[in-house]
PDB file of N, CA and C in Angstrom:
ATOM      1  N   MET A   1     -14.254 274.966  42.613  1.00  0.00           N
ATOM      2  CA  MET A   1     -14.402 274.272  41.145  1.00  0.00           C
ATOM      3  C   MET A   1     -13.088 274.243  40.614  1.00  0.00           C
ATOM      4  N   LEU A   2     -12.950 273.326  39.774  1.00  0.00           N
ATOM      5  CA  LEU A   2     -11.709 273.069  39.069  1.00  0.00           C
ATOM      6  C   LEU A   2     -11.616 273.764  37.851  1.00  0.00           C
ATOM      7  N   THR A   3     -10.834 274.832  37.693  1.00  0.00           N
ATOM      8  CA  THR A   3     -10.695 275.531  36.391  1.00  0.00           C
ATOM      9  C   THR A   3     -10.019 274.789  35.384  1.00  0.00           C
ATOM     10  N   LYS A   4     -10.222 275.341  34.102  1.00  0.00           N
ATOM     11  CA  LYS A   4      -9.652 274.709  32.973  1.00  0.00           C
ATOM     12  C   LYS A   4      -8.060 274.651  33.065  1.00  0.00           C
ATOM     13  N   ARG A   5      -7.487 275.606  33.633  1.00  0.00           N
ATOM     14  CA  ARG A   5      -5.974 275.797  33.794  1.00  0.00           C
ATOM     15  C   ARG A   5      -5.458 274.731  34.769  1.00  0.00           C
ATOM     16  N   LYS A   6      -6.295 274.458  35.905  1.00  0.00           N
ATOM     17  CA  LYS A   6      -5.829 273.585  36.930  1.00  0.00           C
ATOM     18  C   LYS A   6      -5.990 272.112  36.367  1.00  0.00           C
ATOM     19  N   LYS A   7      -7.103 271.965  35.550  1.00  0.00           N
ATOM     20  CA  LYS A   7      -7.333 270.572  34.958  1.00  0.00           C
ATOM     21  C   LYS A   7      -6.407 270.403  33.974  1.00  0.00           C
ATOM     22  N   THR A   8      -5.998 271.117  33.127  1.00  0.00           N
ATOM     23  CA  THR A   8      -5.038 270.699  32.124  1.00  0.00           C
ATOM     24  C   THR A   8      -3.584 270.518  32.774  1.00  0.00           C
ATOM     25  N   ALA A   9      -3.207 271.359  33.910  1.00  0.00           N
ATOM     26  CA  ALA A   9      -2.105 270.917  34.573  1.00  0.00           C
ATOM     27  C   ALA A   9      -2.043 269.750  35.308  1.00  0.00           C
ATOM     28  N   THR A  10      -3.050 269.276  35.853  1.00  0.00           N
ATOM     29  CA  THR A  10      -3.308 267.866  36.421  1.00  0.00           C
ATOM     30  C   THR A  10      -3.155 266.878  35.476  1.00  0.00           C
ATOM     31  N   VAL A  11      -3.770 266.929  34.088  1.00  0.00           N
ATOM     32  CA  VAL A  11      -3.696 266.069  33.207  1.00  0.00           C
ATOM     33  C   VAL A  11      -2.348 265.888  32.625  1.00  0.00           C
ATOM     34  N   LYS A  12      -1.572 266.981  32.510  1.00  0.00           N
ATOM     35  CA  LYS A  12      -0.096 266.911  32.027  1.00  0.00           C
ATOM     36  C   LYS A  12       0.805 266.202  33.114  1.00  0.00           C
ATOM     37  N   GLU A  13       0.399 266.483  34.325  1.00  0.00           N
ATOM     38  CA  GLU A  13       1.214 265.959  35.371  1.00  0.00           C
ATOM     39  C   GLU A  13       1.080 264.363  35.581  1.00  0.00           C
ATOM     40  N   ALA A  14      -0.210 263.938  35.440  1.00  0.00           N
ATOM     41  CA  ALA A  14      -0.491 262.611  35.798  1.00  0.00           C
ATOM     42  C   ALA A  14      -0.601 261.699  34.532  1.00  0.00           C
ATOM     43  N   GLY A  15      -0.775 262.298  33.274  1.00  0.00           N
ATOM     44  CA  GLY A  15      -1.155 261.667  32.098  1.00  0.00           C
ATOM     45  C   GLY A  15       0.199 260.940  31.590  1.00  0.00           C
ATOM     46  N   ILE A  16      -0.214 259.809  30.859  1.00  0.00           N
ATOM     47  CA  ILE A  16       0.877 259.155  30.202  1.00  0.00           C
ATOM     48  C   ILE A  16       1.392 259.901  29.030  1.00  0.00           C
ATOM     49  N   HIS A  17       0.560 260.584  28.198  1.00  0.00           N
ATOM     50  CA  HIS A  17       1.127 261.298  27.025  1.00  0.00           C
ATOM     51  C   HIS A  17       0.190 262.741  27.154  1.00  0.00           C
ATOM     52  N   GLU A  18       0.417 263.582  26.231  1.00  0.00           N
ATOM     53  CA  GLU A  18      -0.206 264.862  26.330  1.00  0.00           C
ATOM     54  C   GLU A  18      -1.560 265.007  26.138  1.00  0.00           C
ATOM     55  N   LYS A  19      -2.121 264.253  25.323  1.00  0.00           N
ATOM     56  CA  LYS A  19      -3.587 264.281  25.215  1.00  0.00           C
ATOM     57  C   LYS A  19      -4.345 263.072  26.127  1.00  0.00           C
ATOM     58  N   ASP A  20      -3.769 262.720  26.927  1.00  0.00           N
ATOM     59  CA  ASP A  20      -4.329 261.549  27.775  1.00  0.00           C
ATOM     60  C   ASP A  20      -5.400 262.250  28.804  1.00  0.00           C
ATOM     61  N   THR A  21      -6.589 261.851  28.630  1.00  0.00           N
ATOM     62  CA  THR A  21      -7.656 262.085  29.627  1.00  0.00           C
ATOM     63  C   THR A  21      -8.353 260.990  30.135  1.00  0.00           C
ATOM     64  N   GLY A  22      -8.136 259.855  29.762  1.00  0.00           N
ATOM     65  CA  GLY A  22      -9.073 258.737  30.148  1.00  0.00           C
ATOM     66  C   GLY A  22      -8.338 257.579  30.926  1.00  0.00           C
ATOM     67  N   SER A  23      -7.001 257.790  31.064  1.00  0.00           N
ATOM     68  CA  SER A  23      -6.324 256.680  31.855  1.00  0.00           C
ATOM     69  C   SER A  23      -6.843 256.826  33.272  1.00  0.00           C
ATOM     70  N   PRO A  24      -6.631 255.714  33.965  1.00  0.00           N
ATOM     71  CA  PRO A  24      -6.985 255.709  35.329  1.00  0.00           C
ATOM     72  C   PRO A  24      -6.278 256.584  36.258  1.00  0.00           C
ATOM     73  N   GLU A  25      -4.956 256.897  35.852  1.00  0.00           N
ATOM     74  CA  GLU A  25      -4.170 257.783  36.545  1.00  0.00           C
ATOM     75  C   GLU A  25      -4.643 259.289  36.481  1.00  0.00           C
ATOM     76  N   VAL A  26      -5.033 259.581  35.240  1.00  0.00           N
ATOM     77  CA  VAL A  26      -5.617 261.064  35.221  1.00  0.00           C
ATOM     78  C   VAL A  26      -6.850 261.084  35.825  1.00  0.00           C
ATOM     79  N   GLN A  27      -7.834 260.062  35.703  1.00  0.00           N
ATOM     80  CA  GLN A  27      -8.986 260.140  36.445  1.00  0.00           C
ATOM     81  C   GLN A  27      -9.018 260.277  38.001  1.00  0.00           C
ATOM     82  N   ILE A  28      -7.987 259.443  38.502  1.00  0.00           N
ATOM     83  CA  ILE A  28      -7.839 259.433  39.899  1.00  0.00           C
ATOM     84  C   ILE A  28      -7.178 260.845  40.477  1.00  0.00           C
ATOM     85  N   ALA A  29      -6.363 261.350  39.598  1.00  0.00           N
ATOM     86  CA  ALA A  29      -5.693 262.651  39.864  1.00  0.00           C
ATOM     87  C   ALA A  29      -6.739 263.866  39.911  1.00  0.00           C
ATOM     88  N   LEU A  30      -7.669 263.758  38.828  1.00  0.00           N
ATOM     89  CA  LEU A  30      -8.739 264.812  38.772  1.00  0.00           C
ATOM     90  C   LEU A  30      -9.603 264.692  39.913  1.00  0.00           C
ATOM     91  N   LEU A  31      -9.938 263.455  40.218  1.00  0.00           N
ATOM     92  CA  LEU A  31     -10.942 263.212  41.436  1.00  0.00           C
ATOM     93  C   LEU A  31     -10.349 263.735  42.655  1.00  0.00           C
ATOM     94  N   SER A  32      -9.060 263.510  42.808  1.00  0.00           N
ATOM     95  CA  SER A  32      -8.279 263.930  44.128  1.00  0.00           C
ATOM     96  C   SER A  32      -8.312 265.374  44.233  1.00  0.00           C
ATOM     97  N   LYS A  33      -8.179 266.153  42.979  1.00  0.00           N
ATOM     98  CA  LYS A  33      -8.122 267.655  43.124  1.00  0.00           C
ATOM     99  C   LYS A  33      -9.505 268.120  43.473  1.00  0.00           C
ATOM    100  N   ARG A  34     -10.583 267.501  42.905  1.00  0.00           N
ATOM    101  CA  ARG A  34     -11.883 267.989  43.207  1.00  0.00           C
ATOM    102  C   ARG A  34     -12.329 267.637  44.644  1.00  0.00           C
ATOM    103  N   ILE A  35     -11.828 266.418  45.178  1.00  0.00           N
ATOM    104  CA  ILE A  35     -12.130 266.018  46.579  1.00  0.00           C
ATOM    105  C   ILE A  35     -11.471 267.050  47.450  1.00  0.00           C
ATOM    106  N   ASP A  36     -10.250 267.428  47.110  1.00  0.00           N
ATOM    107  CA  ASP A  36      -9.548 268.451  48.062  1.00  0.00           C
ATOM    108  C   ASP A  36     -10.315 269.828  48.047  1.00  0.00           C
ATOM    109  N   GLU A  37     -10.748 270.237  46.869  1.00  0.00           N
ATOM    110  CA  GLU A  37     -11.585 271.545  46.839  1.00  0.00           C
ATOM    111  C   GLU A  37     -12.797 271.352  47.511  1.00  0.00           C
ATOM    112  N   LEU A  38     -13.601 270.273  47.454  1.00  0.00           N
ATOM    113  CA  LEU A  38     -14.745 270.164  48.048  1.00  0.00           C
ATOM    114  C   LEU A  38     -14.614 270.023  49.578  1.00  0.00           C
ATOM    115  N   THR A  39     -13.565 269.481  50.003  1.00  0.00           N
ATOM    116  CA  THR A  39     -13.290 269.257  51.445  1.00  0.00           C
ATOM    117  C   THR A  39     -12.985 270.510  52.194  1.00  0.00           C
ATOM    118  N   THR A  40     -12.367 271.448  51.385  1.00  0.00           N
ATOM    119  CA  THR A  40     -12.130 272.782  51.980  1.00  0.00           C
ATOM    120  C   THR A  40     -13.518 273.618  52.078  1.00  0.00           C
ATOM    121  N   HIS A  41     -14.318 273.363  50.903  1.00  0.00           N
ATOM    122  CA  HIS A  41     -15.627 274.018  51.010  1.00  0.00           C
ATOM    123  C   HIS A  41     -16.465 273.608  52.185  1.00  0.00           C
ATOM    124  N   LEU A  42     -16.371 272.226  52.486  1.00  0.00           N
ATOM    125  CA  LEU A  42     -17.277 271.642  53.568  1.00  0.00           C
ATOM    126  C   LEU A  42     -16.743 271.978  54.951  1.00  0.00           C
ATOM    127  N   ARG A  43     -15.400 272.276  54.972  1.00  0.00           N
ATOM    128  CA  ARG A  43     -15.064 272.752  56.337  1.00  0.00           C
ATOM    129  C   ARG A  43     -15.571 274.132  56.674  1.00  0.00           C
ATOM    130  N   LYS A  44     -15.716 274.980  55.541  1.00  0.00           N
ATOM    131  CA  LYS A  44     -16.387 276.397  55.879  1.00  0.00           C
ATOM    132  C   LYS A  44     -17.894 276.319  55.986  1.00  0.00           C
ATOM    133  N   HIS A  45     -18.506 275.300  55.162  1.00  0.00           N
ATOM    134  CA  HIS A  45     -20.026 275.258  55.115  1.00  0.00           C
ATOM    135  C   HIS A  45     -20.228 273.825  55.605  1.00  0.00           C
ATOM    136  N   GLY A  46     -20.505 273.664  56.864  1.00  0.00           N
ATOM    137  CA  GLY A  46     -20.663 272.330  57.542  1.00  0.00           C
ATOM    138  C   GLY A  46     -21.967 271.694  57.357  1.00  0.00           C
ATOM    139  N   LYS A  47     -22.955 272.633  57.103  1.00  0.00           N
ATOM    140  CA  LYS A  47     -24.363 271.935  56.994  1.00  0.00           C
ATOM    141  C   LYS A  47     -24.778 271.814  55.521  1.00  0.00           C
ATOM    142  N   ASP A  48     -23.876 271.770  54.495  1.00  0.00           N
ATOM    143  CA  ASP A  48     -24.100 271.700  53.100  1.00  0.00           C
ATOM    144  C   ASP A  48     -24.125 270.166  52.870  1.00  0.00           C
ATOM    145  N   LYS A  49     -25.358 269.622  53.085  1.00  0.00           N
ATOM    146  CA  LYS A  49     -25.406 268.170  53.007  1.00  0.00           C
ATOM    147  C   LYS A  49     -25.374 267.608  51.531  1.00  0.00           C
ATOM    148  N   HIS A  50     -25.841 268.285  50.626  1.00  0.00           N
ATOM    149  CA  HIS A  50     -25.868 267.961  49.177  1.00  0.00           C
ATOM    150  C   HIS A  50     -24.412 267.892  48.552  1.00  0.00           C
ATOM    151  N   SER A  51     -23.545 268.955  49.060  1.00  0.00           N
ATOM    152  CA  SER A  51     -22.083 268.741  48.595  1.00  0.00           C
ATOM    153  C   SER A  51     -21.593 267.629  49.397  1.00  0.00           C
ATOM    154  N   ARG A  52     -21.755 267.291  50.442  1.00  0.00           N
ATOM    155  CA  ARG A  52     -21.157 266.108  51.195  1.00  0.00           C
ATOM    156  C   ARG A  52     -21.604 264.887  50.468  1.00  0.00           C
ATOM    157  N   ARG A  53     -22.861 264.576  50.096  1.00  0.00           N
ATOM    158  CA  ARG A  53     -23.165 263.588  49.173  1.00  0.00           C
ATOM    159  C   ARG A  53     -22.286 263.417  48.027  1.00  0.00           C
ATOM    160  N   GLY A  54     -22.147 264.482  47.214  1.00  0.00           N
ATOM    161  CA  GLY A  54     -21.246 264.522  45.988  1.00  0.00           C
ATOM    162  C   GLY A  54     -19.955 264.090  46.320  1.00  0.00           C
ATOM    163  N   LEU A  55     -19.354 264.521  47.748  1.00  0.00           N
ATOM    164  CA  LEU A  55     -18.000 264.157  47.895  1.00  0.00           C
ATOM    165  C   LEU A  55     -17.839 262.784  48.306  1.00  0.00           C
ATOM    166  N   LEU A  56     -18.794 262.113  48.924  1.00  0.00           N
ATOM    167  CA  LEU A  56     -18.911 260.667  49.087  1.00  0.00           C
ATOM    168  C   LEU A  56     -18.923 259.770  47.875  1.00  0.00           C
ATOM    169  N   GLN A  57     -19.600 260.350  46.975  1.00  0.00           N
ATOM    170  CA  GLN A  57     -19.612 259.686  45.555  1.00  0.00           C
ATOM    171  C   GLN A  57     -18.296 259.716  44.855  1.00  0.00           C
ATOM    172  N   MET A  58     -17.760 260.921  45.022  1.00  0.00           N
ATOM    173  CA  MET A  58     -16.392 261.067  44.144  1.00  0.00           C
ATOM    174  C   MET A  58     -15.259 260.207  44.985  1.00  0.00           C
ATOM    175  N   VAL A  59     -15.444 260.214  46.347  1.00  0.00           N
ATOM    176  CA  VAL A  59     -14.486 259.227  47.001  1.00  0.00           C
ATOM    177  C   VAL A  59     -14.655 257.841  46.583  1.00  0.00           C
ATOM    178  N   ALA A  60     -15.890 257.366  46.588  1.00  0.00           N
ATOM    179  CA  ALA A  60     -16.136 256.013  46.137  1.00  0.00           C
ATOM    180  C   ALA A  60     -15.839 255.696  44.492  1.00  0.00           C
ATOM    181  N   ASN A  61     -15.801 256.604  43.877  1.00  0.00           N
ATOM    182  CA  ASN A  61     -15.415 256.647  42.417  1.00  0.00           C
ATOM    183  C   ASN A  61     -14.034 256.347  42.252  1.00  0.00           C
ATOM    184  N   ARG A  62     -13.368 257.342  43.138  1.00  0.00           N
ATOM    185  CA  ARG A  62     -11.716 257.192  43.206  1.00  0.00           C
ATOM    186  C   ARG A  62     -11.338 255.830  43.673  1.00  0.00           C
ATOM    187  N   ARG A  63     -11.998 255.368  44.694  1.00  0.00           N
ATOM    188  CA  ARG A  63     -11.522 254.070  45.373  1.00  0.00           C
ATOM    189  C   ARG A  63     -11.857 252.845  44.160  1.00  0.00           C
ATOM    190  N   THR A  64     -12.878 253.204  43.379  1.00  0.00           N
ATOM    191  CA  THR A  64     -13.159 252.165  42.384  1.00  0.00           C
ATOM    192  C   THR A  64     -11.978 252.155  41.256  1.00  0.00           C
ATOM    193  N   HIS A  65     -11.543 253.423  40.892  1.00  0.00           N
ATOM    194  CA  HIS A  65     -10.446 253.438  40.009  1.00  0.00           C
ATOM    195  C   HIS A  65      -9.326 252.910  40.494  1.00  0.00           C
ATOM    196  N   LEU A  66      -8.990 253.315  41.787  1.00  0.00           N
ATOM    197  CA  LEU A  66      -7.776 252.717  42.356  1.00  0.00           C
ATOM    198  C   LEU A  66      -7.719 251.211  42.504  1.00  0.00           C
ATOM    199  N   LYS A  67      -9.016 250.592  42.687  1.00  0.00           N
ATOM    200  CA  LYS A  67      -9.026 249.245  42.833  1.00  0.00           C
ATOM    201  C   LYS A  67      -8.802 248.495  41.495  1.00  0.00           C
ATOM    202  N   TYR A  68      -9.308 249.058  40.474  1.00  0.00           N
ATOM    203  CA  TYR A  68      -9.228 248.630  39.052  1.00  0.00           C
ATOM    204  C   TYR A  68      -7.765 248.561  38.718  1.00  0.00           C
ATOM    205  N   LEU A  69      -7.029 249.822  39.005  1.00  0.00           N
ATOM    206  CA  LEU A  69      -5.574 250.004  38.578  1.00  0.00           C
ATOM    207  C   LEU A  69      -4.774 248.861  39.436  1.00  0.00           C
ATOM    208  N   GLU A  70      -5.082 248.783  40.674  1.00  0.00           N
ATOM    209  CA  GLU A  70      -4.328 247.848  41.586  1.00  0.00           C
ATOM    210  C   GLU A  70      -4.424 246.414  40.969  1.00  0.00           C
ATOM    211  N   GLY A  71      -5.530 246.004  40.537  1.00  0.00           N
ATOM    212  CA  GLY A  71      -5.687 244.630  39.986  1.00  0.00           C
ATOM    213  C   GLY A  71      -5.056 244.546  38.504  1.00  0.00           C
ATOM    214  N   ASN A  72      -4.943 245.429  37.707  1.00  0.00           N
ATOM    215  CA  ASN A  72      -4.437 245.325  36.482  1.00  0.00           C
ATOM    216  C   ASN A  72      -2.949 245.603  36.311  1.00  0.00           C
ATOM    217  N   ASP A  73      -2.357 246.670  37.274  1.00  0.00           N
ATOM    218  CA  ASP A  73      -1.023 247.068  37.102  1.00  0.00           C
ATOM    219  C   ASP A  73      -0.575 247.606  38.403  1.00  0.00           C
ATOM    220  N   LYS A  74       0.011 246.612  39.190  1.00  0.00           N
ATOM    221  CA  LYS A  74       0.430 247.050  40.542  1.00  0.00           C
ATOM    222  C   LYS A  74       1.639 248.155  40.441  1.00  0.00           C
ATOM    223  N   LYS A  75       2.561 248.112  39.447  1.00  0.00           N
ATOM    224  CA  LYS A  75       3.423 249.303  39.553  1.00  0.00           C
ATOM    225  C   LYS A  75       2.853 250.605  39.279  1.00  0.00           C
ATOM    226  N   ARG A  76       1.952 250.718  38.329  1.00  0.00           N
ATOM    227  CA  ARG A  76       1.333 252.048  38.022  1.00  0.00           C
ATOM    228  C   ARG A  76       0.417 252.456  39.301  1.00  0.00           C
ATOM    229  N   TYR A  77      -0.257 251.462  39.895  1.00  0.00           N
ATOM    230  CA  TYR A  77      -0.956 251.819  41.205  1.00  0.00           C
ATOM    231  C   TYR A  77      -0.065 252.322  42.147  1.00  0.00           C
ATOM    232  N   ASN A  78       1.000 251.790  42.452  1.00  0.00           N
ATOM    233  CA  ASN A  78       2.067 252.197  43.550  1.00  0.00           C
ATOM    234  C   ASN A  78       2.600 253.577  43.048  1.00  0.00           C
ATOM    235  N   ALA A  79       2.797 253.864  41.867  1.00  0.00           N
ATOM    236  CA  ALA A  79       3.360 254.998  41.379  1.00  0.00           C
ATOM    237  C   ALA A  79       2.460 256.365  41.517  1.00  0.00           C
ATOM    238  N   ILE A  80       1.046 256.022  41.341  1.00  0.00           N
ATOM    239  CA  ILE A  80      -0.028 257.100  41.436  1.00  0.00           C
ATOM    240  C   ILE A  80      -0.310 257.327  43.009  1.00  0.00           C
ATOM    241  N   VAL A  81      -0.280 256.206  43.701  1.00  0.00           N
ATOM    242  CA  VAL A  81      -0.518 256.466  45.201  1.00  0.00           C
ATOM    243  C   VAL A  81       0.648 257.314  45.801  1.00  0.00           C
ATOM    244  N   ARG A  82       1.895 256.923  45.414  1.00  0.00           N
ATOM    245  CA  ARG A  82       2.972 257.676  45.934  1.00  0.00           C
ATOM    246  C   ARG A  82       2.974 259.165  45.546  1.00  0.00           C
ATOM    247  N   LYS A  83       2.683 259.480  44.224  1.00  0.00           N
ATOM    248  CA  LYS A  83       2.642 260.686  43.700  1.00  0.00           C
ATOM    249  C   LYS A  83       1.514 261.617  44.224  1.00  0.00           C
ATOM    250  N   LEU A  84       0.422 261.041  44.462  1.00  0.00           N
ATOM    251  CA  LEU A  84      -0.673 261.863  45.265  1.00  0.00           C
ATOM    252  C   LEU A  84      -0.734 261.809  46.657  1.00  0.00           C
ATOM    253  N   ASN A  85       0.133 261.098  47.304  1.00  0.00           N
ATOM    254  CA  ASN A  85       0.139 260.937  48.792  1.00  0.00           C
ATOM    255  C   ASN A  85      -1.097 260.320  49.274  1.00  0.00           C
ATOM    256  N   LEU A  86      -1.658 259.464  48.671  1.00  0.00           N
ATOM    257  CA  LEU A  86      -2.963 258.632  49.089  1.00  0.00           C
ATOM    258  C   LEU A  86      -2.615 257.530  49.987  1.00  0.00           C
ATOM    259  N   LYS A  87      -3.589 257.312  50.908  1.00  0.00           N
ATOM    260  CA  LYS A  87      -3.458 256.068  51.688  1.00  0.00           C
ATOM    261  C   LYS A  87      -3.800 255.068  51.038  1.00  0.00           C
ATOM    262  N   LYS A  88      -3.138 253.833  51.300  1.00  0.00           N
ATOM    263  CA  LYS A  88      -3.396 252.511  50.665  1.00  0.00           C
ATOM    264  C   LYS A  88      -4.523 251.870  51.260  1.00  0.00           C
TER     265      LYS A  88
END
């Protein structure tokens, strides 16, 4: 689970300004953190099908945000992909 402290650190790291929570970069970064945590959970609990479904939904949501950002601002897209070490 993403704690409040981890979430605020992620927002500060990826956000454009201090109170930024809605930009695509922040949304992608938060989804990436949640995906990483859920992936480690599923490695331990392989038969947890409900969490796997949630993981697939988060991955699809992140992909949608990335596609939006790529279409609107290629420079910001490349920066967030590089920062989070995501595959293109």
